[in-house]
Amino acid sequence: MFEIWETGEPPRRITEAGSLEVALEKVDTMCRLRHDQAVAHVGRTSEHYRFEIRDPLGRALARLTYAPDTTREYQSVVVEELRGDGRSPS
């Protein structure tokens, strides 16, 4: 089991995932949400957001700092190599 955290102040546990691939997809979804919120000027705004994927022992396996670029459409933060199955980013 993997946990996904947003590690800003205060840090908050977002959700969990049964596999690393699903955890990466959930982080990508959170980044898309933050991008959409920034474009719409909705919710709290920040220059950047920090996410962590943690293993069952609470150790950070992956960290990502995401800064929404509102001058263009959202582009996935999960590159094909991280997906592990050869799928192209959506």
PDB file of N, CA and C in Angstrom:
ATOM      1  N   MET A   1       0.843  -1.173   0.000  1.00  0.00           N
ATOM      2  CA  MET A   1       0.000   0.000   0.000  1.00  0.00           C
ATOM      3  C   MET A   1       0.890   1.238   0.000  1.00  0.00           C
ATOM      4  N   PHE A   2       0.503   2.222  -0.775  1.00  0.00           N
ATOM      5  CA  PHE A   2       1.233   3.478  -0.876  1.00  0.00           C
ATOM      6  C   PHE A   2       0.319   4.613  -0.430  1.00  0.00           C
ATOM      7  N   GLU A   3       0.892   5.608   0.218  1.00  0.00           N
ATOM      8  CA  GLU A   3       0.141   6.788   0.631  1.00  0.00           C
ATOM      9  C   GLU A   3       0.599   7.975  -0.204  1.00  0.00           C
ATOM     10  N   ILE A   4      -0.352   8.828  -0.563  1.00  0.00           N
ATOM     11  CA  ILE A   4      -0.040  10.054  -1.298  1.00  0.00           C
ATOM     12  C   ILE A   4      -0.288  11.215  -0.347  1.00  0.00           C
ATOM     13  N   TRP A   5       0.722  12.054  -0.207  1.00  0.00           N
ATOM     14  CA  TRP A   5       0.675  13.211   0.690  1.00  0.00           C
ATOM     15  C   TRP A   5       0.913  14.486  -0.090  1.00  0.00           C
ATOM     16  N   GLU A   6       0.225  15.562   0.313  1.00  0.00           N
ATOM     17  CA  GLU A   6       0.579  16.902  -0.122  1.00  0.00           C
ATOM     18  C   GLU A   6       1.360  17.477   1.048  1.00  0.00           C
ATOM     19  N   THR A   7       2.625  17.794   0.814  1.00  0.00           N
ATOM     20  CA  THR A   7       3.521  18.104   1.936  1.00  0.00           C
ATOM     21  C   THR A   7       3.694  19.589   2.185  1.00  0.00           C
ATOM     22  N   GLY A   8       2.726  20.396   1.783  1.00  0.00           N
ATOM     23  CA  GLY A   8       2.774  21.816   2.100  1.00  0.00           C
ATOM     24  C   GLY A   8       2.518  22.028   3.580  1.00  0.00           C
ATOM     25  N   GLU A   9       2.215  23.245   3.955  1.00  0.00           N
ATOM     26  CA  GLU A   9       1.919  23.558   5.358  1.00  0.00           C
ATOM     27  C   GLU A   9       0.437  23.786   5.523  1.00  0.00           C
ATOM     28  N   PRO A  10      -0.262  23.028   6.263  1.00  0.00           N
ATOM     29  CA  PRO A  10       0.195  21.818   6.935  1.00  0.00           C
ATOM     30  C   PRO A  10       0.176  20.633   5.972  1.00  0.00           C
ATOM     31  N   PRO A  11       1.023  19.627   6.210  1.00  0.00           N
ATOM     32  CA  PRO A  11       0.994  18.438   5.351  1.00  0.00           C
ATOM     33  C   PRO A  11      -0.335  17.697   5.550  1.00  0.00           C
ATOM     34  N   ARG A  12      -0.806  17.077   4.456  1.00  0.00           N
ATOM     35  CA  ARG A  12      -2.047  16.324   4.591  1.00  0.00           C
ATOM     36  C   ARG A  12      -2.001  15.076   3.723  1.00  0.00           C
ATOM     37  N   ARG A  13      -2.519  14.010   4.275  1.00  0.00           N
ATOM     38  CA  ARG A  13      -2.614  12.749   3.547  1.00  0.00           C
ATOM     39  C   ARG A  13      -3.795  12.859   2.604  1.00  0.00           C
ATOM     40  N   ILE A  14      -3.546  12.619   1.322  1.00  0.00           N
ATOM     41  CA  ILE A  14      -4.603  12.760   0.326  1.00  0.00           C
ATOM     42  C   ILE A  14      -5.374  11.456   0.174  1.00  0.00           C
ATOM     43  N   THR A  15      -4.659  10.372  -0.068  1.00  0.00           N
ATOM     44  CA  THR A  15      -5.307   9.087  -0.308  1.00  0.00           C
ATOM     45  C   THR A  15      -4.259   7.990  -0.266  1.00  0.00           C
ATOM     46  N   GLU A  16      -4.674   6.786  -0.603  1.00  0.00           N
ATOM     47  CA  GLU A  16      -3.733   5.674  -0.699  1.00  0.00           C
ATOM     48  C   GLU A  16      -3.967   4.957  -2.018  1.00  0.00           C
ATOM     49  N   ALA A  17      -3.011   4.123  -2.387  1.00  0.00           N
ATOM     50  CA  ALA A  17      -3.086   3.372  -3.641  1.00  0.00           C
ATOM     51  C   ALA A  17      -2.472   2.004  -3.425  1.00  0.00           C
ATOM     52  N   GLY A  18      -2.978   1.026  -4.155  1.00  0.00           N
ATOM     53  CA  GLY A  18      -2.496  -0.344  -4.022  1.00  0.00           C
ATOM     54  C   GLY A  18      -1.227  -0.630  -4.796  1.00  0.00           C
ATOM     55  N   SER A  19      -0.884   0.242  -5.736  1.00  0.00           N
ATOM     56  CA  SER A  19       0.341   0.040  -6.519  1.00  0.00           C
ATOM     57  C   SER A  19       0.998   1.386  -6.772  1.00  0.00           C
ATOM     58  N   LEU A  20       2.271   1.337  -7.124  1.00  0.00           N
ATOM     59  CA  LEU A  20       2.992   2.570  -7.427  1.00  0.00           C
ATOM     60  C   LEU A  20       2.409   3.236  -8.668  1.00  0.00           C
ATOM     61  N   GLU A  21       2.002   2.449  -9.659  1.00  0.00           N
ATOM     62  CA  GLU A  21       1.414   3.013 -10.871  1.00  0.00           C
ATOM     63  C   GLU A  21       0.145   3.814 -10.538  1.00  0.00           C
ATOM     64  N   VAL A  22      -0.715   3.253  -9.707  1.00  0.00           N
ATOM     65  CA  VAL A  22      -1.941   3.958  -9.311  1.00  0.00           C
ATOM     66  C   VAL A  22      -1.586   5.202  -8.497  1.00  0.00           C
ATOM     67  N   ALA A  23      -0.589   5.115  -7.643  1.00  0.00           N
ATOM     68  CA  ALA A  23      -0.153   6.274  -6.859  1.00  0.00           C
ATOM     69  C   ALA A  23       0.315   7.398  -7.776  1.00  0.00           C
ATOM     70  N   LEU A  24       1.076   7.062  -8.812  1.00  0.00           N
ATOM     71  CA  LEU A  24       1.536   8.072  -9.769  1.00  0.00           C
ATOM     72  C   LEU A  24       0.355   8.716 -10.483  1.00  0.00           C
ATOM     73  N   GLU A  25      -0.629   7.921 -10.855  1.00  0.00           N
ATOM     74  CA  GLU A  25      -1.821   8.462 -11.518  1.00  0.00           C
ATOM     75  C   GLU A  25      -2.578   9.406 -10.591  1.00  0.00           C
ATOM     76  N   LYS A  26      -2.642   9.082  -9.320  1.00  0.00           N
ATOM     77  CA  LYS A  26      -3.343   9.936  -8.364  1.00  0.00           C
ATOM     78  C   LYS A  26      -2.600  11.254  -8.168  1.00  0.00           C
ATOM     79  N   VAL A  27      -1.274  11.215  -8.142  1.00  0.00           N
ATOM     80  CA  VAL A  27      -0.499  12.457  -8.052  1.00  0.00           C
ATOM     81  C   VAL A  27      -0.738  13.293  -9.303  1.00  0.00           C
ATOM     82  N   ASP A  28      -0.765  12.647 -10.464  1.00  0.00           N
ATOM     83  CA  ASP A  28      -1.031  13.360 -11.709  1.00  0.00           C
ATOM     84  C   ASP A  28      -2.412  14.019 -11.662  1.00  0.00           C
ATOM     85  N   THR A  29      -3.391  13.320 -11.131  1.00  0.00           N
ATOM     86  CA  THR A  29      -4.740  13.872 -11.007  1.00  0.00           C
ATOM     87  C   THR A  29      -4.742  15.091 -10.095  1.00  0.00           C
ATOM     88  N   MET A  30      -3.997  15.031  -8.995  1.00  0.00           N
ATOM     89  CA  MET A  30      -3.914  16.176  -8.081  1.00  0.00           C
ATOM     90  C   MET A  30      -3.259  17.380  -8.764  1.00  0.00           C
ATOM     91  N   CYS A  31      -2.231  17.125  -9.556  1.00  0.00           N
ATOM     92  CA  CYS A  31      -1.580  18.220 -10.278  1.00  0.00           C
ATOM     93  C   CYS A  31      -2.538  18.833 -11.300  1.00  0.00           C
ATOM     94  N   ARG A  32      -3.298  17.981 -11.990  1.00  0.00           N
ATOM     95  CA  ARG A  32      -4.293  18.493 -12.951  1.00  0.00           C
ATOM     96  C   ARG A  32      -5.330  19.355 -12.218  1.00  0.00           C
ATOM     97  N   LEU A  33      -5.769  18.906 -11.053  1.00  0.00           N
ATOM     98  CA  LEU A  33      -6.723  19.675 -10.260  1.00  0.00           C
ATOM     99  C   LEU A  33      -6.138  21.030  -9.873  1.00  0.00           C
ATOM    100  N   ARG A  34      -4.903  21.036  -9.391  1.00  0.00           N
ATOM    101  CA  ARG A  34      -4.254  22.300  -8.999  1.00  0.00           C
ATOM    102  C   ARG A  34      -4.100  23.228 -10.206  1.00  0.00           C
ATOM    103  N   HIS A  35      -3.794  22.659 -11.377  1.00  0.00           N
ATOM    104  CA  HIS A  35      -3.686  23.458 -12.601  1.00  0.00           C
ATOM    105  C   HIS A  35      -5.042  24.079 -12.938  1.00  0.00           C
ATOM    106  N   ASP A  36      -6.099  23.259 -12.929  1.00  0.00           N
ATOM    107  CA  ASP A  36      -7.436  23.756 -13.247  1.00  0.00           C
ATOM    108  C   ASP A  36      -7.884  24.826 -12.266  1.00  0.00           C
ATOM    109  N   GLN A  37      -7.569  24.649 -10.988  1.00  0.00           N
ATOM    110  CA  GLN A  37      -7.911  25.654  -9.982  1.00  0.00           C
ATOM    111  C   GLN A  37      -7.161  26.960 -10.238  1.00  0.00           C
ATOM    112  N   ALA A  38      -5.894  26.856 -10.613  1.00  0.00           N
ATOM    113  CA  ALA A  38      -5.101  28.055 -10.881  1.00  0.00           C
ATOM    114  C   ALA A  38      -5.644  28.802 -12.101  1.00  0.00           C
ATOM    115  N   VAL A  39      -6.031  28.068 -13.132  1.00  0.00           N
ATOM    116  CA  VAL A  39      -6.595  28.698 -14.334  1.00  0.00           C
ATOM    117  C   VAL A  39      -7.896  29.414 -13.989  1.00  0.00           C
ATOM    118  N   ALA A  40      -8.726  28.776 -13.162  1.00  0.00           N
ATOM    119  CA  ALA A  40     -10.029  29.335 -12.806  1.00  0.00           C
ATOM    120  C   ALA A  40      -9.960  30.299 -11.622  1.00  0.00           C
ATOM    121  N   HIS A  41      -8.790  30.454 -11.026  1.00  0.00           N
ATOM    122  CA  HIS A  41      -8.619  31.302  -9.834  1.00  0.00           C
ATOM    123  C   HIS A  41      -9.566  30.868  -8.727  1.00  0.00           C
ATOM    124  N   VAL A  42      -9.625  29.543  -8.495  1.00  0.00           N
ATOM    125  CA  VAL A  42     -10.505  28.955  -7.481  1.00  0.00           C
ATOM    126  C   VAL A  42      -9.647  28.287  -6.414  1.00  0.00           C
ATOM    127  N   GLY A  43     -10.101  28.335  -5.178  1.00  0.00           N
ATOM    128  CA  GLY A  43      -9.384  27.662  -4.099  1.00  0.00           C
ATOM    129  C   GLY A  43      -8.131  28.421  -3.704  1.00  0.00           C
ATOM    130  N   ARG A  44      -7.351  27.757  -2.890  1.00  0.00           N
ATOM    131  CA  ARG A  44      -6.111  28.407  -2.445  1.00  0.00           C
ATOM    132  C   ARG A  44      -5.106  28.384  -3.593  1.00  0.00           C
ATOM    133  N   THR A  45      -4.390  29.441  -3.726  1.00  0.00           N
ATOM    134  CA  THR A  45      -3.399  29.512  -4.796  1.00  0.00           C
ATOM    135  C   THR A  45      -2.014  29.462  -4.187  1.00  0.00           C
ATOM    136  N   SER A  46      -1.121  28.880  -4.914  1.00  0.00           N
ATOM    137  CA  SER A  46       0.256  28.752  -4.471  1.00  0.00           C
ATOM    138  C   SER A  46       1.151  28.761  -5.697  1.00  0.00           C
ATOM    139  N   GLU A  47       2.394  29.186  -5.507  1.00  0.00           N
ATOM    140  CA  GLU A  47       3.335  29.153  -6.619  1.00  0.00           C
ATOM    141  C   GLU A  47       3.697  27.721  -6.976  1.00  0.00           C
ATOM    142  N   HIS A  48       3.714  26.863  -5.978  1.00  0.00           N
ATOM    143  CA  HIS A  48       4.041  25.464  -6.237  1.00  0.00           C
ATOM    144  C   HIS A  48       3.418  24.577  -5.154  1.00  0.00           C
ATOM    145  N   TYR A  49       3.281  23.309  -5.529  1.00  0.00           N
ATOM    146  CA  TYR A  49       2.697  22.311  -4.642  1.00  0.00           C
ATOM    147  C   TYR A  49       3.687  21.155  -4.534  1.00  0.00           C
ATOM    148  N   ARG A  50       3.777  20.561  -3.362  1.00  0.00           N
ATOM    149  CA  ARG A  50       4.699  19.438  -3.147  1.00  0.00           C
ATOM    150  C   ARG A  50       3.897  18.189  -2.795  1.00  0.00           C
ATOM    151  N   PHE A  51       4.237  17.107  -3.474  1.00  0.00           N
ATOM    152  CA  PHE A  51       3.577  15.826  -3.247  1.00  0.00           C
ATOM    153  C   PHE A  51       4.620  14.763  -2.936  1.00  0.00           C
ATOM    154  N   GLU A  52       4.213  13.765  -2.166  1.00  0.00           N
ATOM    155  CA  GLU A  52       5.071  12.628  -1.839  1.00  0.00           C
ATOM    156  C   GLU A  52       4.270  11.347  -1.958  1.00  0.00           C
ATOM    157  N   ILE A  53       4.937  10.313  -2.450  1.00  0.00           N
ATOM    158  CA  ILE A  53       4.388   8.962  -2.407  1.00  0.00           C
ATOM    159  C   ILE A  53       5.208   8.229  -1.365  1.00  0.00           C
ATOM    160  N   ARG A  54       4.518   7.655  -0.369  1.00  0.00           N
ATOM    161  CA  ARG A  54       5.205   6.987   0.735  1.00  0.00           C
ATOM    162  C   ARG A  54       4.881   5.497   0.735  1.00  0.00           C
ATOM    163  N   ASP A  55       5.867   4.711   1.160  1.00  0.00           N
ATOM    164  CA  ASP A  55       5.675   3.258   1.258  1.00  0.00           C
ATOM    165  C   ASP A  55       4.942   2.920   2.551  1.00  0.00           C
ATOM    166  N   PRO A  56       4.627   1.641   2.767  1.00  0.00           N
ATOM    167  CA  PRO A  56       3.871   1.259   3.979  1.00  0.00           C
ATOM    168  C   PRO A  56       4.556   1.636   5.293  1.00  0.00           C
ATOM    169  N   LEU A  57       5.860   1.837   5.272  1.00  0.00           N
ATOM    170  CA  LEU A  57       6.577   2.232   6.493  1.00  0.00           C
ATOM    171  C   LEU A  57       6.663   3.753   6.654  1.00  0.00           C
ATOM    172  N   GLY A  58       6.057   4.492   5.714  1.00  0.00           N
ATOM    173  CA  GLY A  58       6.063   5.944   5.799  1.00  0.00           C
ATOM    174  C   GLY A  58       7.270   6.608   5.168  1.00  0.00           C
ATOM    175  N   ARG A  59       8.121   5.825   4.499  1.00  0.00           N
ATOM    176  CA  ARG A  59       9.302   6.399   3.837  1.00  0.00           C
ATOM    177  C   ARG A  59       8.912   6.977   2.482  1.00  0.00           C
ATOM    178  N   ALA A  60       9.468   8.134   2.156  1.00  0.00           N
ATOM    179  CA  ALA A  60       9.182   8.768   0.868  1.00  0.00           C
ATOM    180  C   ALA A  60       9.868   7.999  -0.259  1.00  0.00           C
ATOM    181  N   LEU A  61       9.079   7.539  -1.227  1.00  0.00           N
ATOM    182  CA  LEU A  61       9.615   6.853  -2.403  1.00  0.00           C
ATOM    183  C   LEU A  61       9.791   7.809  -3.568  1.00  0.00           C
ATOM    184  N   ALA A  62       8.940   8.809  -3.636  1.00  0.00           N
ATOM    185  CA  ALA A  62       8.999   9.784  -4.730  1.00  0.00           C
ATOM    186  C   ALA A  62       8.494  11.115  -4.214  1.00  0.00           C
ATOM    187  N   ARG A  63       9.115  12.178  -4.713  1.00  0.00           N
ATOM    188  CA  ARG A  63       8.698  13.540  -4.371  1.00  0.00           C
ATOM    189  C   ARG A  63       8.542  14.321  -5.665  1.00  0.00           C
ATOM    190  N   LEU A  64       7.567  15.212  -5.669  1.00  0.00           N
ATOM    191  CA  LEU A  64       7.327  16.041  -6.841  1.00  0.00           C
ATOM    192  C   LEU A  64       6.941  17.432  -6.376  1.00  0.00           C
ATOM    193  N   THR A  65       7.567  18.429  -6.950  1.00  0.00           N
ATOM    194  CA  THR A  65       7.145  19.810  -6.760  1.00  0.00           C
ATOM    195  C   THR A  65       6.528  20.247  -8.074  1.00  0.00           C
ATOM    196  N   TYR A  66       5.296  20.725  -8.011  1.00  0.00           N
ATOM    197  CA  TYR A  66       4.551  21.095  -9.214  1.00  0.00           C
ATOM    198  C   TYR A  66       4.162  22.564  -9.152  1.00  0.00           C
ATOM    199  N   ALA A  67       4.460  23.289 -10.230  1.00  0.00           N
ATOM    200  CA  ALA A  67       4.060  24.685 -10.363  1.00  0.00           C
ATOM    201  C   ALA A  67       3.149  24.802 -11.580  1.00  0.00           C
ATOM    202  N   PRO A  68       1.876  25.140 -11.384  1.00  0.00           N
ATOM    203  CA  PRO A  68       0.961  25.252 -12.521  1.00  0.00           C
ATOM    204  C   PRO A  68       1.408  26.338 -13.498  1.00  0.00           C
ATOM    205  N   ASP A  69       1.395  25.997 -14.769  1.00  0.00           N
ATOM    206  CA  ASP A  69       1.681  26.959 -15.834  1.00  0.00           C
ATOM    207  C   ASP A  69       0.351  27.272 -16.503  1.00  0.00           C
ATOM    208  N   THR A  70      -0.246  28.383 -16.117  1.00  0.00           N
ATOM    209  CA  THR A  70      -1.580  28.717 -16.607  1.00  0.00           C
ATOM    210  C   THR A  70      -1.579  29.295 -18.018  1.00  0.00           C
ATOM    211  N   THR A  71      -0.413  29.407 -18.631  1.00  0.00           N
ATOM    212  CA  THR A  71      -0.346  29.923 -20.000  1.00  0.00           C
ATOM    213  C   THR A  71      -0.555  28.823 -21.034  1.00  0.00           C
ATOM    214  N   ARG A  72      -0.681  27.580 -20.580  1.00  0.00           N
ATOM    215  CA  ARG A  72      -0.889  26.471 -21.517  1.00  0.00           C
ATOM    216  C   ARG A  72      -1.778  25.416 -20.868  1.00  0.00           C
ATOM    217  N   GLU A  73      -2.243  24.474 -21.699  1.00  0.00           N
ATOM    218  CA  GLU A  73      -3.051  23.383 -21.192  1.00  0.00           C
ATOM    219  C   GLU A  73      -2.203  22.499 -20.287  1.00  0.00           C
ATOM    220  N   TYR A  74      -2.874  21.760 -19.422  1.00  0.00           N
ATOM    221  CA  TYR A  74      -2.168  20.859 -18.516  1.00  0.00           C
ATOM    222  C   TYR A  74      -1.432  19.786 -19.302  1.00  0.00           C
ATOM    223  N   GLN A  75      -0.215  19.509 -18.884  1.00  0.00           N
ATOM    224  CA  GLN A  75       0.562  18.402 -19.435  1.00  0.00           C
ATOM    225  C   GLN A  75       0.896  17.469 -18.281  1.00  0.00           C
ATOM    226  N   SER A  76       0.691  16.178 -18.492  1.00  0.00           N
ATOM    227  CA  SER A  76       0.897  15.187 -17.443  1.00  0.00           C
ATOM    228  C   SER A  76       2.291  15.298 -16.830  1.00  0.00           C
ATOM    229  N   VAL A  77       2.344  15.130 -15.520  1.00  0.00           N
ATOM    230  CA  VAL A  77       3.625  15.133 -14.824  1.00  0.00           C
ATOM    231  C   VAL A  77       4.245  13.742 -14.796  1.00  0.00           C
ATOM    232  N   VAL A  78       3.487  12.734 -15.236  1.00  0.00           N
ATOM    233  CA  VAL A  78       3.961  11.357 -15.226  1.00  0.00           C
ATOM    234  C   VAL A  78       4.442  11.002 -16.633  1.00  0.00           C
ATOM    235  N   VAL A  79       5.739  10.906 -16.791  1.00  0.00           N
ATOM    236  CA  VAL A  79       6.297  10.581 -18.097  1.00  0.00           C
ATOM    237  C   VAL A  79       6.147   9.091 -18.372  1.00  0.00           C
ATOM    238  N   GLU A  80       6.173   8.736 -19.637  1.00  0.00           N
ATOM    239  CA  GLU A  80       5.933   7.363 -20.061  1.00  0.00           C
ATOM    240  C   GLU A  80       6.822   6.361 -19.335  1.00  0.00           C
ATOM    241  N   GLU A  81       8.076   6.713 -19.095  1.00  0.00           N
ATOM    242  CA  GLU A  81       9.000   5.791 -18.439  1.00  0.00           C
ATOM    243  C   GLU A  81       8.548   5.436 -17.022  1.00  0.00           C
ATOM    244  N   LEU A  82       7.892   6.367 -16.343  1.00  0.00           N
ATOM    245  CA  LEU A  82       7.418   6.105 -14.990  1.00  0.00           C
ATOM    246  C   LEU A  82       6.175   5.225 -14.976  1.00  0.00           C
ATOM    247  N   ARG A  83       5.402   5.262 -16.043  1.00  0.00           N
ATOM    248  CA  ARG A  83       4.182   4.470 -16.104  1.00  0.00           C
ATOM    249  C   ARG A  83       4.495   2.981 -16.131  1.00  0.00           C
ATOM    250  N   GLY A  84       5.603   2.610 -16.770  1.00  0.00           N
ATOM    251  CA  GLY A  84       6.040   1.222 -16.758  1.00  0.00           C
ATOM    252  C   GLY A  84       5.287   0.273 -17.660  1.00  0.00           C
ATOM    253  N   ASP A  85       4.274   0.772 -18.375  1.00  0.00           N
ATOM    254  CA  ASP A  85       3.509  -0.120 -19.237  1.00  0.00           C
ATOM    255  C   ASP A  85       3.495   0.322 -20.691  1.00  0.00           C
ATOM    256  N   GLY A  86       4.266   1.355 -21.017  1.00  0.00           N
ATOM    257  CA  GLY A  86       4.358   1.797 -22.408  1.00  0.00           C
ATOM    258  C   GLY A  86       3.229   2.698 -22.875  1.00  0.00           C
ATOM    259  N   ARG A  87       2.273   3.004 -21.981  1.00  0.00           N
ATOM    260  CA  ARG A  87       1.187   3.898 -22.386  1.00  0.00           C
ATOM    261  C   ARG A  87       1.721   5.314 -22.538  1.00  0.00           C
ATOM    262  N   SER A  88       1.133   6.033 -23.465  1.00  0.00           N
ATOM    263  CA  SER A  88       1.468   7.445 -23.628  1.00  0.00           C
ATOM    264  C   SER A  88       0.690   8.251 -22.612  1.00  0.00           C
ATOM    265  N   PRO A  89       1.255   9.401 -22.192  1.00  0.00           N
ATOM    266  CA  PRO A  89       0.517  10.252 -21.258  1.00  0.00           C
ATOM    267  C   PRO A  89      -0.779  10.713 -21.885  1.00  0.00           C
ATOM    268  N   SER A  90      -1.815  10.844 -21.067  1.00  0.00           N
ATOM    269  CA  SER A  90      -3.104  11.305 -21.590  1.00  0.00           C
ATOM    270  C   SER A  90      -3.211  12.799 -21.561  1.00  0.00           C
TER     271      SER A  90
END
